Amino acid sequence: MTARSMSKGANFPVSSSAVRAELAWHKGPGVPDADASALLLTAEGRVRDDGDFVFYNQPQHASNAVRHIGKKTVAGVTTDTVEVDLRSLEPAVERIVLCASADGGTFGQMSGLMLRLLDAGSQIELARFGMEATTETAFIGGELYLRDGRWKFRAVGQGYASGLAGLATDFGITVDDDSSATAASTRPTAPVPEPPAPSSVAPTGPRLGKGEEQLPVDMRKRLSLRKEQVAVSLRKHGAAGVTARVILVLDASGSMSFLYSRGVVVDVVERMAAVAAQLDDDGEMQAWTFASQAARLPDLRLGELPDWLRLHVRVGELSLFRRSKKPRRGLEAGQVDMRAVGIQNEEQKALAQVRAYVRENPTAAPTLVLFFSDGGVYRNAAIERELREAVEEPIFWQFVGLGRSNYGVLERFDTLPGRRVDNVGFFAVDDITTVPDPELYDRLLSEFPAWIAAAGQAGIL
């Protein structure tokens, strides 16, 4: 049996009834130590109490389903292991987050950082995920999660510059604030039912951005909360106060029709509007849609968000598969005739148009492109050429996979050599509607701050 070599965001079904998650790194002078741990989460994405955190000071869950096995060093490689018996997990537990904290340094100081998943009985390796880090002192390597009654494993690779405390509080654990203790030895206390409001926010709520006062009350409240969650994610990754131009790109290929008809894409756009509202002070976000061709959509202004969602988040029109090239009747001002966009996947055309727009409209701030697709990527050479050429441009491309299809070169770009800086991030989710806002924003923004630092050092910014 050949083990899977996984890329960030990839997932696969786990057929083993019990598995071991083994964190590994090369031991050496000046290399910090690390401690593996696991968080048992409910469907709400939170622990029930401090017993749902398994680590070296609390090495066994009350259910006996999760155990911290401990460390060993063989031939210069140190491992720390957590074992999960999927059969013994309580019904309320739907997700196991496999994480770690660094002791005496950062994960960026470690070489050969890897998470291996093994069958607990046979010790056969099921998958391996090579990870890269910089200033992170806590890390989520992967997760086991329940989907349609079956357990799956996802490679996450998300770091926290704020240490174990920053990671743990995302999942409902309040960590004692003791500056004399390392993150690895911090003991959680009981979870809080709701995260406290950040101290920088006035009691009356966050300040409204440009146009937000025009939004319906419910939408304005959602946007306000999401902006704070975006700000928290940026602080975790050492990017508090950063500004950026945000561009949205939406896949409109034929396979996306189901996600549009279910309202999934509308929900995604509303959640991305909060990223633009937090990062870009003009209250606007440029947007493109693409399939066989790429087309620029009207700019999304926050105050016009309800109408923008109604007018411009569209695909799968009844006449889409007809050969007629006549414009569709009844289009409102600014609407794109989706028949002209087509049904195939031609990501490289959207990449080229966004690159041209950034060149023609320079700003002092970097550009963050949020690119959503359900896969079916096949123009690998053309896509790679666009992204390699874009390395020298002030753009970071964050791709999000919305399906279970082939993402081609996008999944491999994190490991492609020959680039001065890593200008691409990628992760995939089975069902983005089930991903809580804090987790989604963390995954969206985890690599952007590191790129800003690298691009600045390289003279790109």
Protein backbone atom coordinates (compact mmCIF):
# COMPACT_ATOMS: atom_id res chain seq x y z
CA MET A 1 0.00 0.00 0.00
CA THR A 2 1.42 3.37 -1.06
CA ALA A 3 0.91 6.26 1.35
CA ARG A 4 -0.67 9.43 0.03
CA SER A 5 1.54 12.50 -0.19
CA MET A 6 -0.90 15.28 0.61
CA SER A 7 -0.95 18.96 -0.26
CA LYS A 8 -2.51 21.68 1.84
CA GLY A 9 -6.31 21.44 1.81
CA ALA A 10 -6.43 17.91 0.40
CA ASN A 11 -8.58 15.26 2.08
CA PHE A 12 -9.39 11.55 1.84
CA PRO A 13 -11.74 9.03 3.53
CA VAL A 14 -10.24 7.09 6.44
CA SER A 15 -11.10 3.39 6.39
CA SER A 16 -9.06 2.47 9.48
CA SER A 17 -10.99 2.16 12.74
CA ALA A 18 -8.10 3.65 14.73
CA VAL A 19 -5.27 5.90 13.56
CA ARG A 20 -2.11 7.51 14.85
CA ALA A 21 -1.19 11.09 13.96
CA GLU A 22 2.58 11.44 14.16
CA LEU A 23 4.21 14.88 14.16
CA ALA A 24 7.84 14.60 13.01
CA TRP A 25 10.81 16.96 12.66
CA HIS A 26 14.61 16.77 12.46
CA LYS A 27 16.33 17.17 15.80
CA GLY A 28 19.45 19.31 15.96
CA PRO A 29 21.32 22.17 17.69
CA GLY A 30 19.12 25.22 18.13
CA VAL A 31 16.00 23.38 17.00
CA PRO A 32 13.08 23.91 19.39
CA ASP A 33 11.00 21.11 20.82
CA ALA A 34 7.35 20.58 19.95
CA ASP A 35 4.37 18.99 21.65
CA ALA A 36 1.52 17.30 19.79
CA SER A 37 -2.04 17.61 21.06
CA ALA A 38 -5.64 17.08 19.98
CA LEU A 39 -8.90 18.97 20.41
CA LEU A 40 -12.22 17.11 20.35
CA LEU A 41 -14.91 19.33 18.83
CA THR A 42 -18.68 19.17 18.46
CA ALA A 43 -20.65 20.14 15.36
CA GLU A 44 -20.41 23.76 16.54
CA GLY A 45 -16.63 23.63 16.22
CA ARG A 46 -15.98 24.02 19.95
CA VAL A 47 -14.89 21.86 22.88
CA ARG A 48 -17.42 20.95 25.55
CA ASP A 49 -15.04 21.40 28.48
CA ASP A 50 -11.32 21.27 29.27
CA GLY A 51 -11.41 17.47 29.13
CA ASP A 52 -11.68 17.71 25.33
CA PHE A 53 -8.07 18.90 25.12
CA VAL A 54 -5.59 15.99 25.06
CA PHE A 55 -1.92 16.82 25.51
CA TYR A 56 1.09 15.66 27.52
CA ASN A 57 -0.28 16.95 30.86
CA GLN A 58 -3.68 15.40 30.14
CA PRO A 59 -2.70 12.41 28.01
CA GLN A 60 -6.00 10.53 27.81
CA HIS A 61 -9.56 11.57 27.09
CA ALA A 62 -12.26 10.35 29.48
CA SER A 63 -13.76 8.27 26.67
CA ASN A 64 -10.37 6.55 26.07
CA ALA A 65 -10.86 7.39 22.40
CA VAL A 66 -7.93 9.83 22.16
CA ARG A 67 -4.51 9.34 23.76
CA HIS A 68 -1.24 11.23 23.72
CA ILE A 69 1.34 8.49 23.08
CA GLY A 70 4.46 10.61 23.54
CA LYS A 71 7.83 11.25 21.95
CA LYS A 72 10.69 9.23 20.59
CA THR A 73 13.81 10.06 18.59
CA VAL A 74 15.24 7.68 15.99
CA ALA A 75 18.14 8.52 13.65
CA GLY A 76 17.86 12.24 14.35
CA VAL A 77 14.10 12.43 13.74
CA THR A 78 11.84 13.24 16.69
CA THR A 79 8.18 12.30 16.68
CA ASP A 80 5.29 13.07 19.01
CA THR A 81 2.16 10.99 18.52
CA VAL A 82 -1.57 11.13 19.23
CA GLU A 83 -3.77 8.06 18.75
CA VAL A 84 -7.49 8.24 17.93
CA ASP A 85 -9.88 5.29 18.17
CA LEU A 86 -12.66 6.46 15.85
CA ARG A 87 -15.02 3.70 17.08
CA SER A 88 -14.88 4.93 20.68
CA LEU A 89 -15.57 8.60 20.06
CA GLU A 90 -18.71 9.92 21.69
CA PRO A 91 -21.57 10.77 19.28
CA ALA A 92 -21.24 14.49 20.06
CA VAL A 93 -17.66 14.57 18.76
CA GLU A 94 -17.56 15.25 15.02
CA ARG A 95 -14.05 16.61 14.56
CA ILE A 96 -10.56 16.02 15.96
CA VAL A 97 -8.09 18.85 15.40
CA LEU A 98 -4.48 17.61 15.41
CA CYS A 99 -2.28 20.44 16.58
CA ALA A 100 1.06 21.22 18.20
CA SER A 101 2.91 23.95 20.06
CA ALA A 102 6.59 24.90 19.81
CA ASP A 103 8.73 25.12 22.94
CA GLY A 104 11.74 27.44 22.85
CA GLY A 105 11.34 28.77 19.33
CA THR A 106 9.10 28.71 16.25
CA PHE A 107 8.04 26.04 13.81
CA GLY A 108 9.97 27.91 11.14
CA GLN A 109 13.19 26.82 12.89
CA MET A 110 12.33 23.16 12.33
CA SER A 111 13.29 21.23 9.22
CA GLY A 112 11.50 18.18 7.89
CA LEU A 113 8.27 19.20 9.62
CA MET A 114 5.71 16.57 8.73
CA LEU A 115 2.42 15.05 9.87
CA ARG A 116 2.00 11.32 9.15
CA LEU A 117 -1.26 9.40 9.53
CA LEU A 118 -0.87 5.69 10.27
CA ASP A 119 -3.19 2.77 10.88
CA ALA A 120 -2.94 2.27 14.66
CA GLY A 121 -2.96 -1.51 14.42
CA SER A 122 -0.73 -2.35 11.47
CA GLN A 123 1.36 0.87 11.66
CA ILE A 124 0.97 1.16 7.87
CA GLU A 125 1.38 4.76 6.75
CA LEU A 126 -1.86 6.06 5.22
CA ALA A 127 -0.77 9.58 4.34
CA ARG A 128 1.96 12.15 4.89
CA PHE A 129 1.76 15.93 4.80
CA GLY A 130 4.95 17.98 4.58
CA MET A 131 4.49 21.39 6.19
CA GLU A 132 6.26 24.75 5.98
CA ALA A 133 6.27 27.42 8.66
CA THR A 134 7.86 30.77 9.55
CA THR A 135 7.12 32.58 12.84
CA GLU A 136 4.34 30.29 14.08
CA THR A 137 4.50 28.97 17.63
CA ALA A 138 1.35 26.84 17.32
CA PHE A 139 0.21 24.79 14.37
CA ILE A 140 -2.78 22.81 13.14
CA GLY A 141 -1.33 20.00 11.06
CA GLY A 142 -4.55 18.28 10.08
CA GLU A 143 -7.97 17.20 11.22
CA LEU A 144 -10.19 14.14 11.31
CA TYR A 145 -13.81 15.04 10.61
CA LEU A 146 -17.13 13.26 10.20
CA ARG A 147 -18.92 13.75 6.89
CA ASP A 148 -22.08 11.80 5.91
CA GLY A 149 -21.36 9.17 8.55
CA ARG A 150 -17.76 8.54 7.43
CA TRP A 151 -14.51 9.81 8.88
CA LYS A 152 -12.14 11.76 6.65
CA PHE A 153 -8.72 13.35 7.11
CA ARG A 154 -7.79 16.83 5.85
CA ALA A 155 -4.31 18.35 5.59
CA VAL A 156 -4.62 21.85 7.13
CA GLY A 157 -1.15 23.34 7.74
CA GLN A 158 -2.37 26.47 9.55
CA GLY A 159 -0.05 28.30 11.93
CA TYR A 160 -0.59 30.77 14.77
CA ALA A 161 1.98 33.42 15.67
CA SER A 162 0.07 33.89 18.95
CA GLY A 163 0.96 30.41 20.19
CA LEU A 164 -1.22 27.76 21.76
CA ALA A 165 -3.35 30.40 23.48
CA GLY A 166 -4.36 31.90 20.13
CA LEU A 167 -5.15 28.49 18.71
CA ALA A 168 -7.03 27.18 21.72
CA THR A 169 -9.29 30.20 22.14
CA ASP A 170 -10.61 29.65 18.62
CA PHE A 171 -12.17 26.44 19.82
CA GLY A 172 -13.72 27.61 23.10
CA ILE A 173 -10.82 27.15 25.53
CA THR A 174 -9.77 29.95 27.87
CA VAL A 175 -6.02 29.72 28.52
CA ASP A 176 -4.49 31.05 31.73
CA ASP A 177 -2.38 34.14 31.02
CA ASP A 178 0.95 33.31 32.63
CA SER A 179 3.89 34.95 30.89
CA SER A 180 6.34 32.78 32.82
CA ALA A 181 4.96 29.59 31.28
CA THR A 182 5.54 28.40 27.75
CA ALA A 183 2.63 27.86 25.41
CA ALA A 184 3.29 24.13 25.47
CA SER A 185 2.71 23.88 29.21
CA THR A 186 -0.38 26.06 29.45
CA ARG A 187 -3.39 24.29 30.93
CA PRO A 188 -6.88 25.15 29.57
CA THR A 189 -9.77 26.02 31.81
CA ALA A 190 -13.49 25.69 31.11
CA PRO A 191 -14.69 27.02 27.75
CA VAL A 192 -16.62 30.23 27.39
CA PRO A 193 -19.99 30.06 25.61
CA GLU A 194 -19.25 33.07 23.42
CA PRO A 195 -15.95 34.84 22.63
CA PRO A 196 -15.61 38.12 24.53
CA ALA A 197 -15.68 41.35 22.59
CA PRO A 198 -12.15 42.63 21.85
CA SER A 199 -11.07 45.42 24.16
CA SER A 200 -10.53 47.75 21.21
CA VAL A 201 -14.24 47.68 20.33
CA ALA A 202 -16.47 50.27 21.91
CA PRO A 203 -19.52 49.01 23.82
CA THR A 204 -21.79 50.28 21.04
CA GLY A 205 -20.10 47.99 18.48
CA PRO A 206 -17.51 48.38 15.72
CA ARG A 207 -17.34 51.59 13.71
CA LEU A 208 -19.35 51.46 10.50
CA GLY A 209 -17.41 51.52 7.27
CA LYS A 210 -18.28 53.37 4.10
CA GLY A 211 -21.82 52.51 3.00
CA GLU A 212 -22.51 50.01 5.79
CA GLU A 213 -25.23 52.18 7.31
CA GLN A 214 -27.32 51.50 4.18
CA LEU A 215 -27.44 47.74 4.76
CA PRO A 216 -30.41 45.91 6.28
CA VAL A 217 -30.01 45.51 10.04
CA ASP A 218 -29.39 41.74 10.00
CA MET A 219 -26.80 41.98 7.24
CA ARG A 220 -25.10 44.92 8.96
CA LYS A 221 -24.83 42.91 12.20
CA ARG A 222 -23.36 39.91 10.36
CA LEU A 223 -20.86 42.13 8.58
CA SER A 224 -19.84 43.84 11.82
CA LEU A 225 -19.16 40.55 13.60
CA ARG A 226 -17.31 39.12 10.63
CA LYS A 227 -15.09 42.19 10.34
CA GLU A 228 -14.02 41.66 13.95
CA GLN A 229 -13.29 38.01 13.23
CA VAL A 230 -11.15 39.02 10.23
CA ALA A 231 -9.28 41.47 12.48
CA VAL A 232 -8.67 38.73 15.06
CA SER A 233 -7.26 36.42 12.38
CA LEU A 234 -4.92 39.15 11.15
CA ARG A 235 -3.67 39.81 14.69
CA LYS A 236 -2.96 36.11 15.20
CA HIS A 237 -0.72 36.10 12.15
CA GLY A 238 1.11 39.29 13.07
CA ALA A 239 -0.67 41.49 10.51
CA ALA A 240 -2.78 43.81 12.67
CA GLY A 241 -3.61 47.03 10.85
CA VAL A 242 -2.52 45.80 7.43
CA THR A 243 -4.41 47.24 4.44
CA ALA A 244 -4.92 45.65 1.04
CA ARG A 245 -6.97 45.86 -2.11
CA VAL A 246 -9.26 42.81 -2.22
CA ILE A 247 -10.38 41.21 -5.49
CA LEU A 248 -12.96 38.42 -5.72
CA VAL A 249 -13.00 35.79 -8.50
CA LEU A 250 -15.94 33.39 -8.85
CA ASP A 251 -16.02 30.17 -10.88
CA ALA A 252 -19.09 30.14 -13.14
CA SER A 253 -18.44 26.84 -14.93
CA GLY A 254 -21.30 24.43 -15.46
CA SER A 255 -20.41 22.24 -12.49
CA MET A 256 -20.90 25.23 -10.17
CA SER A 257 -24.63 25.51 -10.95
CA PHE A 258 -25.65 23.46 -7.91
CA LEU A 259 -23.66 25.70 -5.55
CA TYR A 260 -25.27 28.79 -7.04
CA SER A 261 -28.79 27.37 -6.90
CA ARG A 262 -28.34 26.38 -3.24
CA GLY A 263 -27.25 29.90 -2.32
CA VAL A 264 -23.75 28.74 -1.35
CA VAL A 265 -22.02 31.29 -3.60
CA VAL A 266 -24.20 34.14 -2.35
CA ASP A 267 -23.18 33.23 1.19
CA VAL A 268 -19.49 33.07 0.18
CA VAL A 269 -19.63 36.54 -1.36
CA GLU A 270 -21.26 38.04 1.73
CA ARG A 271 -18.55 36.48 3.91
CA MET A 272 -15.81 37.82 1.61
CA ALA A 273 -17.32 41.30 1.75
CA ALA A 274 -16.22 41.38 5.40
CA VAL A 275 -12.61 40.76 4.34
CA ALA A 276 -12.76 43.71 1.97
CA ALA A 277 -14.50 45.86 4.58
CA GLN A 278 -11.72 45.17 7.08
CA LEU A 279 -8.71 45.38 4.74
CA ASP A 280 -9.76 48.02 2.19
CA ASP A 281 -10.83 51.42 3.48
CA ASP A 282 -12.77 52.45 0.36
CA GLY A 283 -15.60 50.01 1.03
CA GLU A 284 -15.32 48.46 -2.43
CA MET A 285 -14.20 45.13 -3.89
CA GLN A 286 -13.44 44.42 -7.53
CA ALA A 287 -14.87 41.15 -8.88
CA TRP A 288 -14.58 38.77 -11.83
CA THR A 289 -16.44 35.69 -12.95
CA PHE A 290 -15.10 33.08 -15.34
CA ALA A 291 -15.76 29.83 -17.17
CA SER A 292 -14.82 29.48 -20.86
CA GLN A 293 -14.24 33.25 -20.79
CA ALA A 294 -13.58 35.72 -17.99
CA ALA A 295 -15.75 38.77 -17.38
CA ARG A 296 -15.38 41.63 -14.96
CA LEU A 297 -18.38 42.27 -12.75
CA PRO A 298 -19.34 45.71 -11.42
CA ASP A 299 -17.44 46.70 -8.29
CA LEU A 300 -19.05 45.49 -5.10
CA ARG A 301 -19.79 48.48 -2.83
CA LEU A 302 -20.76 47.54 0.70
CA GLY A 303 -23.86 49.71 0.78
CA GLU A 304 -25.13 47.97 -2.36
CA LEU A 305 -24.41 44.42 -1.21
CA PRO A 306 -28.02 43.04 -1.28
CA ASP A 307 -28.64 44.26 -4.83
CA TRP A 308 -25.17 43.17 -5.96
CA LEU A 309 -25.82 39.64 -4.73
CA ARG A 310 -29.15 39.56 -6.56
CA LEU A 311 -27.88 41.01 -9.83
CA HIS A 312 -24.39 39.56 -10.21
CA VAL A 313 -24.10 36.20 -8.41
CA ARG A 314 -25.67 34.28 -11.27
CA VAL A 315 -24.98 31.13 -13.27
CA GLY A 316 -26.76 28.22 -14.92
CA GLU A 317 -29.34 30.18 -16.92
CA LEU A 318 -31.79 28.00 -18.83
CA SER A 319 -30.33 29.08 -22.16
CA LEU A 320 -26.75 28.43 -21.09
CA PHE A 321 -26.27 25.35 -23.28
CA ARG A 322 -27.90 26.76 -26.40
CA ARG A 323 -25.65 27.74 -29.25
CA SER A 324 -27.32 31.09 -29.83
CA LYS A 325 -24.98 34.05 -29.38
CA LYS A 326 -27.75 36.62 -29.19
CA PRO A 327 -27.74 38.66 -25.96
CA ARG A 328 -30.13 37.42 -23.35
CA ARG A 329 -33.20 39.58 -23.03
CA GLY A 330 -34.00 41.28 -19.77
CA LEU A 331 -30.47 41.91 -18.53
CA GLU A 332 -30.29 44.78 -16.06
CA ALA A 333 -27.61 47.45 -16.13
CA GLY A 334 -24.13 46.01 -15.56
CA GLN A 335 -25.23 42.38 -15.69
CA VAL A 336 -23.04 39.91 -17.56
CA ASP A 337 -24.72 37.62 -20.11
CA MET A 338 -23.63 34.30 -18.63
CA ARG A 339 -23.99 32.52 -22.00
CA ALA A 340 -21.02 34.55 -23.20
CA VAL A 341 -19.02 33.32 -20.21
CA GLY A 342 -19.67 29.69 -21.16
CA ILE A 343 -19.30 26.50 -19.11
CA GLN A 344 -15.68 25.29 -19.28
CA ASN A 345 -12.79 25.93 -16.88
CA GLU A 346 -10.31 28.54 -18.13
CA GLU A 347 -8.83 29.93 -14.92
CA GLN A 348 -5.84 31.39 -16.72
CA LYS A 349 -8.07 33.93 -18.50
CA ALA A 350 -9.33 35.33 -15.20
CA LEU A 351 -5.76 35.38 -13.85
CA ALA A 352 -4.58 37.37 -16.88
CA GLN A 353 -7.40 39.91 -16.57
CA VAL A 354 -6.82 40.46 -12.86
CA ARG A 355 -3.07 40.89 -13.45
CA ALA A 356 -3.75 43.46 -16.17
CA TYR A 357 -6.14 45.38 -13.90
CA VAL A 358 -3.55 45.54 -11.08
CA ARG A 359 -0.86 46.78 -13.49
CA GLU A 360 -3.17 49.44 -14.90
CA ASN A 361 -4.44 50.55 -11.49
CA PRO A 362 -1.42 50.61 -9.14
CA THR A 363 -1.90 51.26 -5.42
CA ALA A 364 0.45 51.58 -2.47
CA ALA A 365 -1.26 48.62 -0.80
CA PRO A 366 -0.79 44.99 -1.87
CA THR A 367 -3.60 43.09 -3.60
CA LEU A 368 -5.26 40.00 -2.13
CA VAL A 369 -7.17 37.90 -4.67
CA LEU A 370 -9.82 35.55 -3.25
CA PHE A 371 -10.35 32.96 -5.99
CA PHE A 372 -13.19 30.41 -5.59
CA SER A 373 -13.52 27.29 -7.77
CA ASP A 374 -15.06 23.83 -7.54
CA GLY A 375 -12.17 22.25 -9.41
CA GLY A 376 -12.02 20.60 -12.79
CA VAL A 377 -8.74 22.43 -13.41
CA TYR A 378 -7.01 21.22 -16.56
CA ARG A 379 -5.15 24.21 -18.08
CA ASN A 380 -2.23 23.50 -15.77
CA ALA A 381 0.59 24.84 -17.97
CA ALA A 382 -1.22 28.10 -18.72
CA ILE A 383 -2.22 28.61 -15.09
CA GLU A 384 1.30 27.91 -13.87
CA ARG A 385 2.73 30.35 -16.40
CA GLU A 386 0.41 33.16 -15.22
CA LEU A 387 1.17 32.57 -11.54
CA ARG A 388 4.92 32.27 -12.07
CA GLU A 389 4.95 35.55 -13.99
CA ALA A 390 2.87 37.13 -11.23
CA VAL A 391 5.52 36.35 -8.61
CA GLU A 392 7.12 39.75 -9.28
CA GLU A 393 3.78 41.57 -8.92
CA PRO A 394 2.21 42.90 -5.68
CA ILE A 395 -0.50 40.22 -5.69
CA PHE A 396 -1.18 37.27 -3.39
CA TRP A 397 -3.51 34.64 -4.83
CA GLN A 398 -5.60 32.75 -2.29
CA PHE A 399 -7.45 29.85 -3.95
CA VAL A 400 -10.35 28.08 -2.23
CA GLY A 401 -11.66 24.76 -3.55
CA LEU A 402 -15.40 24.28 -3.10
CA GLY A 403 -15.80 20.69 -4.30
CA ARG A 404 -14.28 17.27 -4.52
CA SER A 405 -12.75 17.61 -7.96
CA ASN A 406 -9.25 17.91 -9.40
CA TYR A 407 -7.51 21.21 -8.64
CA GLY A 408 -4.47 20.46 -10.77
CA VAL A 409 -1.50 22.76 -10.42
CA LEU A 410 -3.21 24.85 -7.72
CA GLU A 411 -2.75 22.03 -5.18
CA ARG A 412 0.94 21.75 -6.04
CA PHE A 413 1.88 25.42 -6.21
CA ASP A 414 3.02 25.66 -2.59
CA THR A 415 5.83 23.25 -3.39
CA LEU A 416 6.76 24.40 -6.89
CA PRO A 417 10.40 25.56 -6.99
CA GLY A 418 11.95 28.48 -8.84
CA ARG A 419 10.00 31.39 -7.31
CA ARG A 420 11.50 34.19 -5.23
CA VAL A 421 8.43 34.25 -3.00
CA ASP A 422 5.45 31.96 -2.49
CA ASN A 423 2.62 34.01 -4.00
CA VAL A 424 -0.14 31.35 -3.85
CA GLY A 425 -2.23 29.83 -1.08
CA PHE A 426 -4.70 26.97 -1.51
CA PHE A 427 -7.11 24.96 0.58
CA ALA A 428 -10.23 22.96 -0.21
CA VAL A 429 -13.39 22.27 1.77
CA ASP A 430 -16.11 19.69 1.17
CA ASP A 431 -18.91 22.04 2.25
CA ILE A 432 -17.97 25.64 2.96
CA THR A 433 -21.36 26.30 4.58
CA THR A 434 -20.28 24.09 7.51
CA VAL A 435 -17.02 25.99 8.12
CA PRO A 436 -17.44 28.58 10.92
CA ASP A 437 -16.43 32.16 10.11
CA PRO A 438 -13.40 32.24 12.46
CA GLU A 439 -11.97 29.08 10.89
CA LEU A 440 -12.67 30.26 7.35
CA TYR A 441 -10.97 33.62 7.89
CA ASP A 442 -7.99 31.98 9.59
CA ARG A 443 -7.50 29.68 6.62
CA LEU A 444 -8.00 32.50 4.11
CA LEU A 445 -5.49 34.80 5.79
CA SER A 446 -2.90 32.39 7.21
CA GLU A 447 -0.36 32.81 4.36
CA PHE A 448 -1.06 36.40 3.30
CA PRO A 449 0.98 38.08 6.10
CA ALA A 450 4.01 35.85 5.43
CA TRP A 451 3.84 36.77 1.75
CA ILE A 452 3.71 40.49 2.62
CA ALA A 453 6.92 40.13 4.64
CA ALA A 454 8.69 38.06 1.94
CA ALA A 455 7.54 40.34 -0.87
CA GLY A 456 8.76 43.39 1.07
CA GLN A 457 12.19 41.84 1.60
CA ALA A 458 12.35 40.93 -2.10
CA GLY A 459 11.50 44.49 -3.18
CA ILE A 460 8.21 43.45 -4.77
CA LEU A 461 6.22 45.65 -2.38
